[in-house]
């Protein structure tokens, strides 16, 4: 992970607290959905930014707070699967239809598997590393998503290191536990098994 100055870490922490407080203060599902949609929109804007662009600490903090919400985290993961951006929007809204399973099968199932989209995954790793580096104590969602991406790319060793770091902070974090079990079983991503 990159080294982040203490001032940037403090700014990210304050921004994360403010962003989390906005979700806590929502009055009903419509406002919570707007918060999640804004979090997913922030993710997309950071992902689409130039690789050389510096990510502002406040944006990193807001995204970190967004990723702590399971619906936002899952929407971010689905958003990385080619052709499933509209499904990611629905996931952020709390929808759990059959297309979510199709998106996950595109990662896992050798009959429907797609390889990870290189540029998009590299951009996602860049953003997620920033999130994890700015807020080590709150990095479990970012580390877990990085572990998923490493596994999807066929790098089980890097995935294992990342998931171990996530589980050291939160041993019960469900997605990290699933990735850990997948690695322990020696299951490669679908596109590797298909080839």
C-alpha atoms as a PDB file:
ATOM      1  CA  UNK A   1       0.000   0.000   0.000  1.00  0.00           C
ATOM      2  CA  UNK A   2       1.230   3.541  -0.623  1.00  0.00           C
ATOM      3  CA  UNK A   3       2.513   5.645   2.253  1.00  0.00           C
ATOM      4  CA  UNK A   4       0.031   8.393   3.100  1.00  0.00           C
ATOM      5  CA  UNK A   5       0.896  11.534   5.113  1.00  0.00           C
ATOM      6  CA  UNK A   6      -0.746  11.762   8.532  1.00  0.00           C
ATOM      7  CA  UNK A   7      -2.660  14.902   7.537  1.00  0.00           C
ATOM      8  CA  UNK A   8      -4.255  13.109   4.586  1.00  0.00           C
ATOM      9  CA  UNK A   9      -5.175  10.162   6.812  1.00  0.00           C
ATOM     10  CA  UNK A  10      -6.859  12.550   9.287  1.00  0.00           C
ATOM     11  CA  UNK A  11      -8.743  14.290   6.470  1.00  0.00           C
ATOM     12  CA  UNK A  12      -9.919  10.929   5.122  1.00  0.00           C
ATOM     13  CA  UNK A  13     -11.036   9.814   8.583  1.00  0.00           C
ATOM     14  CA  UNK A  14     -13.057  13.010   9.127  1.00  0.00           C
ATOM     15  CA  UNK A  15     -14.627  12.747   5.666  1.00  0.00           C
ATOM     16  CA  UNK A  16     -15.542   9.101   6.336  1.00  0.00           C
ATOM     17  CA  UNK A  17     -17.161  10.048   9.650  1.00  0.00           C
ATOM     18  CA  UNK A  18     -19.192  12.813   8.014  1.00  0.00           C
ATOM     19  CA  UNK A  19     -20.258  10.541   5.141  1.00  0.00           C
ATOM     20  CA  UNK A  20     -21.266   7.741   7.537  1.00  0.00           C
ATOM     21  CA  UNK A  21     -23.213  10.247   9.631  1.00  0.00           C
ATOM     22  CA  UNK A  22     -25.191  11.251   6.536  1.00  0.00           C
ATOM     23  CA  UNK A  23     -26.319   7.652   6.084  1.00  0.00           C
ATOM     24  CA  UNK A  24     -27.199   7.352   9.775  1.00  0.00           C
ATOM     25  CA  UNK A  25     -29.291  10.528   9.510  1.00  0.00           C
ATOM     26  CA  UNK A  26     -31.285   9.361   6.478  1.00  0.00           C
ATOM     27  CA  UNK A  27     -35.022   9.320   6.910  1.00  0.00           C
ATOM     28  CA  UNK A  28     -36.279   6.281   5.051  1.00  0.00           C
ATOM     29  CA  UNK A  29     -35.169   4.035   2.207  1.00  0.00           C
ATOM     30  CA  UNK A  30     -35.326   6.719  -0.486  1.00  0.00           C
ATOM     31  CA  UNK A  31     -32.699   8.872   1.240  1.00  0.00           C
ATOM     32  CA  UNK A  32     -30.533   5.829   2.000  1.00  0.00           C
ATOM     33  CA  UNK A  33     -30.737   4.876  -1.672  1.00  0.00           C
ATOM     34  CA  UNK A  34     -29.585   8.377  -2.696  1.00  0.00           C
ATOM     35  CA  UNK A  35     -26.611   8.031  -0.320  1.00  0.00           C
ATOM     36  CA  UNK A  36     -25.703   4.643  -1.803  1.00  0.00           C
ATOM     37  CA  UNK A  37     -26.148   5.925  -5.346  1.00  0.00           C
ATOM     38  CA  UNK A  38     -23.849   8.864  -4.531  1.00  0.00           C
ATOM     39  CA  UNK A  39     -21.268   6.464  -3.062  1.00  0.00           C
ATOM     40  CA  UNK A  40     -21.365   4.310  -6.203  1.00  0.00           C
ATOM     41  CA  UNK A  41     -21.123   7.459  -8.332  1.00  0.00           C
ATOM     42  CA  UNK A  42     -18.045   8.545  -6.373  1.00  0.00           C
ATOM     43  CA  UNK A  43     -16.491   5.118  -6.990  1.00  0.00           C
ATOM     44  CA  UNK A  44     -17.111   5.439 -10.712  1.00  0.00           C
ATOM     45  CA  UNK A  45     -15.696   8.951 -10.912  1.00  0.00           C
ATOM     46  CA  UNK A  46     -12.512   7.894  -9.094  1.00  0.00           C
ATOM     47  CA  UNK A  47     -12.231   4.788 -11.239  1.00  0.00           C
ATOM     48  CA  UNK A  48     -12.550   6.815 -14.437  1.00  0.00           C
ATOM     49  CA  UNK A  49     -10.034   9.467 -13.342  1.00  0.00           C
ATOM     50  CA  UNK A  50      -6.617   9.577 -14.914  1.00  0.00           C
ATOM     51  CA  UNK A  51      -4.213   7.059 -13.347  1.00  0.00           C
ATOM     52  CA  UNK A  52      -1.816   9.917 -12.632  1.00  0.00           C
ATOM     53  CA  UNK A  53      -4.488  12.029 -10.911  1.00  0.00           C
ATOM     54  CA  UNK A  54      -4.132  12.400  -7.159  1.00  0.00           C
ATOM     55  CA  UNK A  55      -7.213  11.154  -5.331  1.00  0.00           C
ATOM     56  CA  UNK A  56      -8.294  13.764  -2.752  1.00  0.00           C
ATOM     57  CA  UNK A  57      -8.229  12.461   0.823  1.00  0.00           C
ATOM     58  CA  UNK A  58     -11.818  13.575   1.372  1.00  0.00           C
ATOM     59  CA  UNK A  59     -12.996  11.484  -1.595  1.00  0.00           C
ATOM     60  CA  UNK A  60     -11.002   8.531  -0.299  1.00  0.00           C
ATOM     61  CA  UNK A  61     -12.660   8.892   3.105  1.00  0.00           C
ATOM     62  CA  UNK A  62     -16.154   9.133   1.640  1.00  0.00           C
ATOM     63  CA  UNK A  63     -15.538   6.056  -0.501  1.00  0.00           C
ATOM     64  CA  UNK A  64     -14.167   4.168   2.490  1.00  0.00           C
ATOM     65  CA  UNK A  65     -17.372   4.937   4.396  1.00  0.00           C
ATOM     66  CA  UNK A  66     -19.425   3.924   1.372  1.00  0.00           C
ATOM     67  CA  UNK A  67     -17.645   0.575   1.078  1.00  0.00           C
ATOM     68  CA  UNK A  68     -18.520  -0.203   4.689  1.00  0.00           C
ATOM     69  CA  UNK A  69     -22.117  -0.467   3.491  1.00  0.00           C
ATOM     70  CA  UNK A  70     -22.560  -3.992   2.094  1.00  0.00           C
ATOM     71  CA  UNK A  71     -24.869  -2.858  -0.705  1.00  0.00           C
ATOM     72  CA  UNK A  72     -22.333  -0.301  -1.934  1.00  0.00           C
ATOM     73  CA  UNK A  73     -19.475  -2.801  -1.622  1.00  0.00           C
ATOM     74  CA  UNK A  74     -21.407  -5.406  -3.605  1.00  0.00           C
ATOM     75  CA  UNK A  75     -22.439  -2.820  -6.209  1.00  0.00           C
ATOM     76  CA  UNK A  76     -18.775  -1.878  -6.658  1.00  0.00           C
ATOM     77  CA  UNK A  77     -17.875  -5.531  -7.228  1.00  0.00           C
ATOM     78  CA  UNK A  78     -20.719  -6.077  -9.720  1.00  0.00           C
ATOM     79  CA  UNK A  79     -19.786  -2.813 -11.466  1.00  0.00           C
ATOM     80  CA  UNK A  80     -16.397  -4.313 -12.369  1.00  0.00           C
ATOM     81  CA  UNK A  81     -17.949  -7.203 -14.298  1.00  0.00           C
ATOM     82  CA  UNK A  82     -18.233  -6.225 -17.983  1.00  0.00           C
ATOM     83  CA  UNK A  83     -21.826  -5.541 -19.009  1.00  0.00           C
ATOM     84  CA  UNK A  84     -23.289  -5.328 -15.502  1.00  0.00           C
ATOM     85  CA  UNK A  85     -23.169  -1.593 -14.675  1.00  0.00           C
ATOM     86  CA  UNK A  86     -26.969  -1.296 -14.710  1.00  0.00           C
ATOM     87  CA  UNK A  87     -27.188  -4.271 -12.352  1.00  0.00           C
ATOM     88  CA  UNK A  88     -24.714  -2.539 -10.025  1.00  0.00           C
ATOM     89  CA  UNK A  89     -27.090   0.429  -9.851  1.00  0.00           C
ATOM     90  CA  UNK A  90     -29.909  -1.888  -8.822  1.00  0.00           C
ATOM     91  CA  UNK A  91     -27.713  -3.640  -6.244  1.00  0.00           C
ATOM     92  CA  UNK A  92     -27.010  -0.263  -4.638  1.00  0.00           C
ATOM     93  CA  UNK A  93     -30.786   0.205  -4.425  1.00  0.00           C
ATOM     94  CA  UNK A  94     -31.117  -3.055  -2.495  1.00  0.00           C
ATOM     95  CA  UNK A  95     -32.304  -5.187  -5.393  1.00  0.00           C
ATOM     96  CA  UNK A  96     -31.280  -8.848  -5.398  1.00  0.00           C
ATOM     97  CA  UNK A  97     -32.598 -10.223  -8.670  1.00  0.00           C
ATOM     98  CA  UNK A  98     -31.252 -13.052 -10.836  1.00  0.00           C
ATOM     99  CA  UNK A  99     -28.873 -10.738 -12.725  1.00  0.00           C
ATOM    100  CA  UNK A 100     -26.758 -10.416  -9.566  1.00  0.00           C
ATOM    101  CA  UNK A 101     -26.159 -14.166  -9.709  1.00  0.00           C
ATOM    102  CA  UNK A 102     -25.302 -13.869 -13.397  1.00  0.00           C
ATOM    103  CA  UNK A 103     -22.686 -11.221 -12.603  1.00  0.00           C
ATOM    104  CA  UNK A 104     -21.099 -13.436  -9.971  1.00  0.00           C
ATOM    105  CA  UNK A 105     -21.193 -16.455 -12.286  1.00  0.00           C
ATOM    106  CA  UNK A 106     -19.258 -14.378 -14.827  1.00  0.00           C
ATOM    107  CA  UNK A 107     -16.428 -14.389 -12.280  1.00  0.00           C
ATOM    108  CA  UNK A 108     -16.731 -17.926 -10.909  1.00  0.00           C
ATOM    109  CA  UNK A 109     -18.494 -20.255 -13.358  1.00  0.00           C
ATOM    110  CA  UNK A 110     -16.232 -21.611 -16.139  1.00  0.00           C
ATOM    111  CA  UNK A 111     -19.212 -21.910 -18.529  1.00  0.00           C
ATOM    112  CA  UNK A 112     -19.991 -18.172 -18.271  1.00  0.00           C
ATOM    113  CA  UNK A 113     -16.667 -16.808 -17.128  1.00  0.00           C
ATOM    114  CA  UNK A 114     -15.074 -13.651 -18.374  1.00  0.00           C
ATOM    115  CA  UNK A 115     -11.489 -12.636 -17.658  1.00  0.00           C
ATOM    116  CA  UNK A 116     -11.027  -9.518 -15.560  1.00  0.00           C
ATOM    117  CA  UNK A 117     -11.080  -6.351 -17.684  1.00  0.00           C
ATOM    118  CA  UNK A 118      -7.452  -5.228 -17.440  1.00  0.00           C
ATOM    119  CA  UNK A 119      -7.654  -1.429 -17.447  1.00  0.00           C
ATOM    120  CA  UNK A 120     -10.736  -1.362 -15.230  1.00  0.00           C
ATOM    121  CA  UNK A 121      -9.221  -3.758 -12.703  1.00  0.00           C
ATOM    122  CA  UNK A 122      -5.970  -1.787 -12.593  1.00  0.00           C
ATOM    123  CA  UNK A 123      -7.972   1.382 -11.958  1.00  0.00           C
ATOM    124  CA  UNK A 124      -9.973  -0.360  -9.238  1.00  0.00           C
ATOM    125  CA  UNK A 125      -6.793  -1.593  -7.570  1.00  0.00           C
ATOM    126  CA  UNK A 126      -5.330   1.917  -7.654  1.00  0.00           C
ATOM    127  CA  UNK A 127      -8.406   3.394  -5.944  1.00  0.00           C
ATOM    128  CA  UNK A 128      -8.816   0.559  -3.424  1.00  0.00           C
ATOM    129  CA  UNK A 129      -5.126   0.736  -2.428  1.00  0.00           C
ATOM    130  CA  UNK A 130      -5.611   4.431  -1.703  1.00  0.00           C
ATOM    131  CA  UNK A 131      -8.672   3.682   0.437  1.00  0.00           C
ATOM    132  CA  UNK A 132      -6.826   1.002   2.401  1.00  0.00           C
ATOM    133  CA  UNK A 133      -3.721   3.166   2.855  1.00  0.00           C
ATOM    134  CA  UNK A 134      -5.632   6.223   4.073  1.00  0.00           C
ATOM    135  CA  UNK A 135      -7.572   4.370   6.718  1.00  0.00           C
ATOM    136  CA  UNK A 136      -5.832   1.161   7.833  1.00  0.00           C
ATOM    137  CA  UNK A 137      -8.276   0.554  10.701  1.00  0.00           C
ATOM    138  CA  UNK A 138     -11.247   0.744   8.337  1.00  0.00           C
ATOM    139  CA  UNK A 139      -9.683  -0.982   5.353  1.00  0.00           C
ATOM    140  CA  UNK A 140     -11.404  -4.374   5.574  1.00  0.00           C
ATOM    141  CA  UNK A 141     -13.849  -3.806   2.666  1.00  0.00           C
ATOM    142  CA  UNK A 142     -11.100  -2.365   0.442  1.00  0.00           C
ATOM    143  CA  UNK A 143      -8.637  -5.147   1.316  1.00  0.00           C
ATOM    144  CA  UNK A 144     -11.315  -7.757   0.673  1.00  0.00           C
ATOM    145  CA  UNK A 145     -12.196  -6.285  -2.715  1.00  0.00           C
ATOM    146  CA  UNK A 146      -8.479  -6.195  -3.557  1.00  0.00           C
ATOM    147  CA  UNK A 147      -8.315  -9.885  -2.580  1.00  0.00           C
ATOM    148  CA  UNK A 148     -11.263 -10.669  -4.873  1.00  0.00           C
ATOM    149  CA  UNK A 149      -9.585  -8.830  -7.748  1.00  0.00           C
ATOM    150  CA  UNK A 150      -6.271 -10.609  -7.173  1.00  0.00           C
ATOM    151  CA  UNK A 151      -8.046 -13.981  -7.137  1.00  0.00           C
ATOM    152  CA  UNK A 152     -10.039 -13.086 -10.266  1.00  0.00           C
ATOM    153  CA  UNK A 153      -6.738 -12.301 -12.008  1.00  0.00           C
ATOM    154  CA  UNK A 154      -5.391 -15.705 -10.986  1.00  0.00           C
ATOM    155  CA  UNK A 155      -2.981 -14.407  -8.317  1.00  0.00           C
ATOM    156  CA  UNK A 156      -3.908 -16.626  -5.380  1.00  0.00           C
ATOM    157  CA  UNK A 157      -0.796 -15.735  -3.372  1.00  0.00           C
ATOM    158  CA  UNK A 158      -1.531 -11.997  -3.401  1.00  0.00           C
ATOM    159  CA  UNK A 159      -5.198 -12.682  -2.713  1.00  0.00           C
ATOM    160  CA  UNK A 160      -4.262 -14.804   0.312  1.00  0.00           C
ATOM    161  CA  UNK A 161      -2.073 -12.053   1.770  1.00  0.00           C
ATOM    162  CA  UNK A 162      -4.811  -9.442   1.323  1.00  0.00           C
ATOM    163  CA  UNK A 163      -7.573 -11.611   2.760  1.00  0.00           C
ATOM    164  CA  UNK A 164      -5.341 -12.520   5.704  1.00  0.00           C
ATOM    165  CA  UNK A 165      -4.899  -8.814   6.454  1.00  0.00           C
ATOM    166  CA  UNK A 166      -8.644  -8.237   6.233  1.00  0.00           C
ATOM    167  CA  UNK A 167      -9.458 -11.179   8.511  1.00  0.00           C
ATOM    168  CA  UNK A 168      -6.822 -10.098  11.039  1.00  0.00           C
ATOM    169  CA  UNK A 169      -8.888  -6.931  11.564  1.00  0.00           C
ATOM    170  CA  UNK A 170     -12.353  -8.510  11.245  1.00  0.00           C
ATOM    171  CA  UNK A 171     -12.330 -12.330  11.460  1.00  0.00           C
ATOM    172  CA  UNK A 172     -16.056 -12.543  10.709  1.00  0.00           C
ATOM    173  CA  UNK A 173     -16.158 -10.344   7.595  1.00  0.00           C
ATOM    174  CA  UNK A 174     -18.310 -12.534   5.360  1.00  0.00           C
ATOM    175  CA  UNK A 175     -16.857 -11.765   1.928  1.00  0.00           C
ATOM    176  CA  UNK A 176     -13.299 -12.180   3.244  1.00  0.00           C
ATOM    177  CA  UNK A 177     -14.268 -15.517   4.814  1.00  0.00           C
ATOM    178  CA  UNK A 178     -15.713 -16.670   1.461  1.00  0.00           C
ATOM    179  CA  UNK A 179     -12.559 -15.699  -0.420  1.00  0.00           C
ATOM    180  CA  UNK A 180     -10.433 -17.408   2.233  1.00  0.00           C
ATOM    181  CA  UNK A 181     -12.476 -20.603   1.817  1.00  0.00           C
ATOM    182  CA  UNK A 182     -12.202 -20.353  -1.969  1.00  0.00           C
ATOM    183  CA  UNK A 183      -8.423 -20.058  -1.712  1.00  0.00           C
ATOM    184  CA  UNK A 184      -8.206 -22.905   0.801  1.00  0.00           C
ATOM    185  CA  UNK A 185     -10.156 -25.124  -1.605  1.00  0.00           C
ATOM    186  CA  UNK A 186      -7.736 -24.207  -4.415  1.00  0.00           C
ATOM    187  CA  UNK A 187     -10.575 -23.022  -6.663  1.00  0.00           C
ATOM    188  CA  UNK A 188      -9.360 -20.811  -9.510  1.00  0.00           C
ATOM    189  CA  UNK A 189     -11.574 -18.178 -11.141  1.00  0.00           C
ATOM    190  CA  UNK A 190     -13.920 -19.350 -13.841  1.00  0.00           C
ATOM    191  CA  UNK A 191     -11.953 -18.048 -16.826  1.00  0.00           C
ATOM    192  CA  UNK A 192      -8.843 -19.960 -15.647  1.00  0.00           C
ATOM    193  CA  UNK A 193     -10.813 -23.190 -15.261  1.00  0.00           C
ATOM    194  CA  UNK A 194     -12.410 -22.659 -18.671  1.00  0.00           C
ATOM    195  CA  UNK A 195      -9.021 -22.337 -20.338  1.00  0.00           C
END
